[in-house]
N, C-alpha and C. Protein backbone atom coordinates (compact mmCIF):
# COMPACT_ATOMS: atom_id res chain seq x y z
N UNK A 1 79.18 72.15 89.99
CA UNK A 1 80.47 71.84 90.58
C UNK A 1 80.69 70.34 90.47
N UNK A 2 81.85 69.94 90.01
CA UNK A 2 82.15 68.53 89.89
C UNK A 2 82.77 68.01 91.20
N UNK A 3 82.72 66.69 91.36
CA UNK A 3 83.34 66.05 92.52
C UNK A 3 84.24 64.93 92.01
N UNK A 4 85.22 64.56 92.83
CA UNK A 4 86.10 63.48 92.41
C UNK A 4 85.40 62.13 92.60
N UNK A 5 85.94 61.11 91.97
CA UNK A 5 85.31 59.79 91.98
C UNK A 5 85.23 59.20 93.39
N UNK A 6 86.27 59.41 94.21
CA UNK A 6 86.25 58.89 95.57
C UNK A 6 85.09 59.48 96.37
N UNK A 7 84.88 60.78 96.24
CA UNK A 7 83.77 61.43 96.92
C UNK A 7 82.45 60.85 96.42
N UNK A 8 82.34 60.66 95.12
CA UNK A 8 81.14 60.07 94.53
C UNK A 8 80.87 58.69 95.13
N UNK A 9 81.90 57.88 95.25
CA UNK A 9 81.75 56.53 95.77
C UNK A 9 81.47 56.50 97.27
N UNK A 10 82.13 57.37 98.02
CA UNK A 10 82.09 57.30 99.48
C UNK A 10 80.98 58.10 100.14
N UNK A 11 80.47 59.11 99.47
CA UNK A 11 79.48 60.00 100.08
C UNK A 11 78.08 59.39 100.02
N UNK A 12 77.29 59.70 101.03
CA UNK A 12 75.90 59.24 101.05
C UNK A 12 75.07 60.11 100.11
N UNK A 13 73.84 59.65 99.83
CA UNK A 13 72.92 60.44 99.00
C UNK A 13 72.70 61.82 99.62
N UNK A 14 72.54 61.85 100.95
CA UNK A 14 72.31 63.12 101.66
C UNK A 14 73.49 64.07 101.48
N UNK A 15 74.69 63.55 101.59
CA UNK A 15 75.88 64.40 101.42
C UNK A 15 75.97 64.91 99.99
N UNK A 16 75.64 64.05 99.03
CA UNK A 16 75.72 64.46 97.64
C UNK A 16 74.63 65.45 97.27
N UNK A 17 73.54 65.46 98.04
CA UNK A 17 72.50 66.45 97.79
C UNK A 17 73.08 67.85 97.96
N UNK A 18 74.13 67.90 98.76
CA UNK A 18 74.90 69.13 98.87
C UNK A 18 74.34 70.14 99.83
N UNK A 19 75.14 71.13 100.04
CA UNK A 19 74.78 72.24 100.91
C UNK A 19 74.23 73.37 100.06
N UNK A 20 73.37 74.17 100.64
CA UNK A 20 72.87 75.35 99.94
C UNK A 20 74.01 76.35 99.81
N UNK A 21 73.80 77.35 98.97
CA UNK A 21 74.84 78.38 98.80
C UNK A 21 75.18 79.06 100.12
N UNK A 22 74.19 79.47 100.93
CA UNK A 22 74.55 80.08 102.21
C UNK A 22 75.33 79.11 103.13
N UNK A 23 74.97 77.85 103.13
CA UNK A 23 75.69 76.87 103.94
C UNK A 23 77.13 76.71 103.46
N UNK A 24 77.32 76.69 102.15
CA UNK A 24 78.67 76.56 101.61
C UNK A 24 79.51 77.79 101.92
N UNK A 25 78.92 78.97 101.79
CA UNK A 25 79.63 80.21 102.10
C UNK A 25 79.99 80.24 103.58
N UNK A 26 79.01 79.94 104.42
CA UNK A 26 79.24 79.96 105.86
C UNK A 26 80.27 78.92 106.26
N UNK A 27 80.20 77.75 105.66
CA UNK A 27 81.19 76.70 105.95
C UNK A 27 82.60 77.13 105.57
N UNK A 28 82.72 77.78 104.42
CA UNK A 28 84.04 78.27 103.99
C UNK A 28 84.57 79.31 104.96
N UNK A 29 83.72 80.29 105.31
CA UNK A 29 84.16 81.33 106.24
C UNK A 29 84.48 80.76 107.62
N UNK A 30 83.72 79.75 108.04
CA UNK A 30 83.99 79.12 109.34
C UNK A 30 85.32 78.39 109.31
N UNK A 31 85.64 77.77 108.19
CA UNK A 31 86.91 77.05 108.07
C UNK A 31 88.10 78.01 108.02
N UNK A 32 87.83 79.26 107.70
CA UNK A 32 88.88 80.28 107.60
C UNK A 32 88.51 81.47 108.49
N UNK A 33 88.14 81.17 109.74
CA UNK A 33 87.61 82.20 110.62
C UNK A 33 88.63 83.23 111.07
N UNK A 34 89.88 83.02 110.72
CA UNK A 34 90.92 83.99 111.07
C UNK A 34 91.17 85.00 109.95
N UNK A 35 90.34 84.96 108.90
CA UNK A 35 90.56 85.82 107.74
C UNK A 35 89.24 86.43 107.27
N UNK A 36 89.33 87.47 106.49
CA UNK A 36 88.17 88.07 105.82
C UNK A 36 88.44 88.01 104.31
N UNK A 37 87.39 87.85 103.53
CA UNK A 37 87.53 87.64 102.10
C UNK A 37 86.60 88.56 101.33
N UNK A 38 86.98 88.89 100.10
CA UNK A 38 86.08 89.56 99.19
C UNK A 38 85.12 88.50 98.62
N UNK A 39 83.93 88.93 98.28
CA UNK A 39 82.91 88.00 97.80
C UNK A 39 83.41 87.20 96.59
N UNK A 40 84.12 87.86 95.70
CA UNK A 40 84.62 87.19 94.49
C UNK A 40 85.59 86.06 94.86
N UNK A 41 86.43 86.29 95.84
CA UNK A 41 87.37 85.26 96.27
C UNK A 41 86.63 84.06 96.87
N UNK A 42 85.60 84.33 97.66
CA UNK A 42 84.80 83.24 98.22
C UNK A 42 84.19 82.44 97.08
N UNK A 43 83.62 83.14 96.10
CA UNK A 43 83.00 82.46 94.95
C UNK A 43 84.01 81.57 94.23
N UNK A 44 85.20 82.10 94.00
CA UNK A 44 86.23 81.31 93.32
C UNK A 44 86.65 80.10 94.14
N UNK A 45 86.79 80.28 95.44
CA UNK A 45 87.29 79.21 96.31
C UNK A 45 86.29 78.09 96.51
N UNK A 46 84.97 78.41 96.46
CA UNK A 46 83.98 77.34 96.66
C UNK A 46 83.26 76.99 95.36
N UNK A 47 83.75 77.55 94.25
CA UNK A 47 83.23 77.22 92.92
C UNK A 47 81.73 77.48 92.80
N UNK A 48 81.34 78.69 93.18
CA UNK A 48 79.95 79.13 93.03
C UNK A 48 79.93 80.43 92.23
N UNK A 49 78.82 80.69 91.60
CA UNK A 49 78.62 81.94 90.88
C UNK A 49 78.73 83.12 91.84
N UNK A 50 79.39 84.18 91.41
CA UNK A 50 79.60 85.36 92.26
C UNK A 50 78.28 85.97 92.71
N UNK A 51 77.27 85.95 91.86
CA UNK A 51 75.97 86.48 92.24
C UNK A 51 75.33 85.67 93.36
N UNK A 52 75.46 84.35 93.28
CA UNK A 52 74.91 83.48 94.33
C UNK A 52 75.61 83.72 95.66
N UNK A 53 76.92 83.92 95.60
CA UNK A 53 77.70 84.18 96.81
C UNK A 53 77.31 85.53 97.40
N UNK A 54 77.17 86.56 96.58
CA UNK A 54 76.78 87.88 97.07
C UNK A 54 75.41 87.85 97.73
N UNK A 55 74.48 87.14 97.12
CA UNK A 55 73.14 86.99 97.70
C UNK A 55 73.21 86.25 99.03
N UNK A 56 73.98 85.17 99.05
CA UNK A 56 74.14 84.39 100.28
C UNK A 56 74.75 85.23 101.39
N UNK A 57 75.78 86.00 101.06
CA UNK A 57 76.43 86.84 102.06
C UNK A 57 75.46 87.89 102.63
N UNK A 58 74.66 88.48 101.76
CA UNK A 58 73.68 89.47 102.23
C UNK A 58 72.66 88.84 103.17
N UNK A 59 72.19 87.66 102.83
CA UNK A 59 71.23 86.96 103.70
C UNK A 59 71.87 86.57 105.03
N UNK A 60 73.10 86.08 104.96
CA UNK A 60 73.80 85.70 106.19
C UNK A 60 74.06 86.91 107.07
N UNK A 61 74.35 88.05 106.44
CA UNK A 61 74.55 89.28 107.20
C UNK A 61 73.26 89.68 107.90
N UNK A 62 72.14 89.55 107.20
CA UNK A 62 70.85 89.86 107.78
C UNK A 62 70.52 89.00 109.00
N UNK A 63 71.07 87.81 109.05
CA UNK A 63 70.86 86.91 110.19
C UNK A 63 71.94 87.09 111.26
N UNK A 64 72.88 87.98 111.00
CA UNK A 64 73.95 88.23 111.97
C UNK A 64 74.99 87.14 112.01
N UNK A 65 75.14 86.39 110.90
CA UNK A 65 76.08 85.27 110.87
C UNK A 65 77.42 85.63 110.23
N UNK A 66 77.45 86.72 109.49
CA UNK A 66 78.69 87.20 108.90
C UNK A 66 78.79 88.70 109.14
N UNK A 67 80.00 89.20 109.05
CA UNK A 67 80.26 90.63 109.22
C UNK A 67 80.83 91.17 107.91
N UNK A 68 80.52 92.43 107.63
CA UNK A 68 80.92 93.04 106.37
C UNK A 68 81.59 94.38 106.66
N UNK A 69 82.75 94.59 106.07
CA UNK A 69 83.46 95.86 106.22
C UNK A 69 84.17 96.15 104.90
N UNK A 70 83.85 97.31 104.32
CA UNK A 70 84.36 97.69 103.00
C UNK A 70 83.99 96.59 102.01
N UNK A 71 84.96 95.95 101.39
CA UNK A 71 84.65 94.88 100.42
C UNK A 71 84.89 93.50 101.02
N UNK A 72 85.12 93.42 102.32
CA UNK A 72 85.50 92.15 102.95
C UNK A 72 84.39 91.57 103.81
N UNK A 73 84.38 90.24 103.87
CA UNK A 73 83.39 89.48 104.64
C UNK A 73 84.11 88.48 105.53
N UNK A 74 83.58 88.30 106.74
CA UNK A 74 84.12 87.33 107.69
C UNK A 74 82.97 86.73 108.48
N UNK A 75 83.20 85.55 109.01
CA UNK A 75 82.18 84.92 109.85
C UNK A 75 82.10 85.67 111.18
N UNK A 76 80.92 85.70 111.77
CA UNK A 76 80.75 86.36 113.05
C UNK A 76 81.54 85.64 114.14
N UNK A 77 81.90 86.38 115.16
CA UNK A 77 82.56 85.78 116.31
C UNK A 77 81.54 85.39 117.38
N UNK A 78 80.26 85.61 117.11
CA UNK A 78 79.19 85.29 118.04
C UNK A 78 78.87 83.79 117.93
N UNK A 79 79.53 82.99 118.75
CA UNK A 79 79.38 81.54 118.68
C UNK A 79 77.97 81.09 119.04
N UNK A 80 77.29 81.83 119.90
CA UNK A 80 75.91 81.48 120.25
C UNK A 80 75.00 81.60 119.03
N UNK A 81 75.16 82.69 118.30
CA UNK A 81 74.34 82.89 117.10
C UNK A 81 74.63 81.80 116.07
N UNK A 82 75.89 81.47 115.90
CA UNK A 82 76.25 80.42 114.94
C UNK A 82 75.67 79.07 115.34
N UNK A 83 75.75 78.74 116.61
CA UNK A 83 75.28 77.43 117.05
C UNK A 83 73.76 77.29 116.91
N UNK A 84 73.05 78.42 116.89
CA UNK A 84 71.59 78.39 116.71
C UNK A 84 71.19 78.21 115.24
N UNK A 85 72.12 78.41 114.34
CA UNK A 85 71.82 78.33 112.91
C UNK A 85 71.97 76.90 112.43
N UNK A 86 70.88 76.30 111.98
CA UNK A 86 70.87 74.89 111.57
C UNK A 86 71.84 74.61 110.43
N UNK A 87 71.93 75.52 109.47
CA UNK A 87 72.82 75.32 108.33
C UNK A 87 74.28 75.25 108.76
N UNK A 88 74.62 76.01 109.79
CA UNK A 88 75.99 75.97 110.31
C UNK A 88 76.29 74.59 110.88
N UNK A 89 75.34 74.04 111.63
CA UNK A 89 75.53 72.70 112.20
C UNK A 89 75.65 71.65 111.10
N UNK A 90 74.84 71.79 110.07
CA UNK A 90 74.90 70.84 108.95
C UNK A 90 76.23 70.95 108.22
N UNK A 91 76.67 72.18 107.97
CA UNK A 91 77.95 72.39 107.29
C UNK A 91 79.10 71.87 108.14
N UNK A 92 79.06 72.15 109.44
CA UNK A 92 80.12 71.67 110.33
C UNK A 92 80.19 70.16 110.32
N UNK A 93 79.03 69.49 110.38
CA UNK A 93 79.01 68.02 110.37
C UNK A 93 79.58 67.49 109.06
N UNK A 94 79.24 68.12 107.95
CA UNK A 94 79.76 67.67 106.66
C UNK A 94 81.27 67.87 106.57
N UNK A 95 81.76 69.04 107.01
CA UNK A 95 83.20 69.28 106.98
C UNK A 95 83.93 68.34 107.95
N UNK A 96 83.36 68.08 109.11
CA UNK A 96 83.97 67.14 110.05
C UNK A 96 84.05 65.75 109.43
N UNK A 97 83.00 65.36 108.73
CA UNK A 97 82.98 64.05 108.09
C UNK A 97 84.04 63.95 107.00
N UNK A 98 84.18 65.00 106.22
CA UNK A 98 85.13 64.98 105.10
C UNK A 98 86.57 65.23 105.54
N UNK A 99 86.75 66.11 106.53
CA UNK A 99 88.10 66.54 106.89
C UNK A 99 88.55 66.04 108.26
N UNK A 100 87.65 65.46 109.01
CA UNK A 100 87.97 65.01 110.36
C UNK A 100 87.64 66.09 111.37
N UNK A 101 87.26 65.66 112.56
CA UNK A 101 86.92 66.61 113.61
C UNK A 101 88.18 67.25 114.17
N UNK A 102 88.02 68.45 114.70
CA UNK A 102 89.13 69.12 115.35
C UNK A 102 89.45 68.41 116.65
N UNK A 103 90.71 68.38 116.98
CA UNK A 103 91.16 67.80 118.25
C UNK A 103 91.25 68.95 119.25
N UNK A 104 90.36 68.95 120.23
CA UNK A 104 90.31 70.07 121.18
C UNK A 104 91.62 70.26 121.92
N UNK A 105 92.32 69.15 122.24
CA UNK A 105 93.59 69.29 122.97
C UNK A 105 94.64 70.01 122.12
N UNK A 106 94.67 69.76 120.82
CA UNK A 106 95.60 70.46 119.93
C UNK A 106 95.23 71.93 119.85
N UNK A 107 93.93 72.20 119.76
CA UNK A 107 93.47 73.59 119.71
C UNK A 107 93.88 74.32 120.99
N UNK A 108 93.67 73.68 122.14
CA UNK A 108 94.00 74.32 123.42
C UNK A 108 95.50 74.57 123.55
N UNK A 109 96.34 73.69 123.00
CA UNK A 109 97.79 73.90 123.02
C UNK A 109 98.17 75.19 122.31
N UNK A 110 97.46 75.51 121.25
CA UNK A 110 97.79 76.67 120.43
C UNK A 110 97.02 77.93 120.83
N UNK A 111 96.05 77.79 121.72
CA UNK A 111 95.26 78.93 122.16
C UNK A 111 96.11 79.86 123.02
N UNK A 112 95.87 81.15 122.94
CA UNK A 112 96.63 82.08 123.77
C UNK A 112 96.32 81.88 125.25
N UNK A 113 97.29 82.21 126.08
CA UNK A 113 97.10 82.08 127.53
C UNK A 113 96.14 83.14 128.06
N UNK A 114 96.16 84.30 127.47
CA UNK A 114 95.33 85.41 127.91
C UNK A 114 94.18 85.60 126.92
N UNK A 115 93.01 86.02 127.41
CA UNK A 115 91.91 86.30 126.49
C UNK A 115 92.21 87.52 125.62
N UNK A 116 91.55 87.60 124.53
CA UNK A 116 91.69 88.76 123.65
C UNK A 116 91.29 90.01 124.42
N UNK A 117 91.96 91.14 124.20
CA UNK A 117 91.65 92.37 124.95
C UNK A 117 90.19 92.81 124.83
N UNK A 118 89.51 92.42 123.76
CA UNK A 118 88.10 92.81 123.57
C UNK A 118 87.14 91.95 124.39
N UNK A 119 87.63 90.87 124.97
CA UNK A 119 86.78 90.00 125.77
C UNK A 119 86.72 90.54 127.18
N UNK A 120 85.52 90.92 127.59
CA UNK A 120 85.35 91.49 128.93
C UNK A 120 85.12 90.41 129.97
N UNK A 121 85.26 90.77 131.20
CA UNK A 121 84.98 89.85 132.31
C UNK A 121 83.48 89.64 132.37
N UNK A 122 83.08 88.38 132.44
CA UNK A 122 81.65 88.06 132.52
C UNK A 122 81.26 87.66 133.92
N UNK A 123 82.18 87.79 134.88
CA UNK A 123 81.88 87.37 136.25
C UNK A 123 81.13 88.44 137.01
């Protein structure tokens, strides 16, 4: 995968070492957590071989980090499981560095007033 000259100039050696295929797949799905994708589309969007993406998705599913239904894949909604995964933290830090951190106040403005019907009372 090629990178633009600005990224080459501005990124540290560690950043240029890159993310593993599972980290890249998980980062992509995390960035698009409101959607599910076919493996081929993920491969095209992150410029990885389809076989590498399929292998990564299977491994991530085994760890409970992604969900699979028919031909579609999505990131898990289990935030505790995601936060325990080191690759997720590394990918999040890299995306925050490249794209900027999310502004929690903006997110809260757009969040629904009521919880999703599937969210039970934990009290």
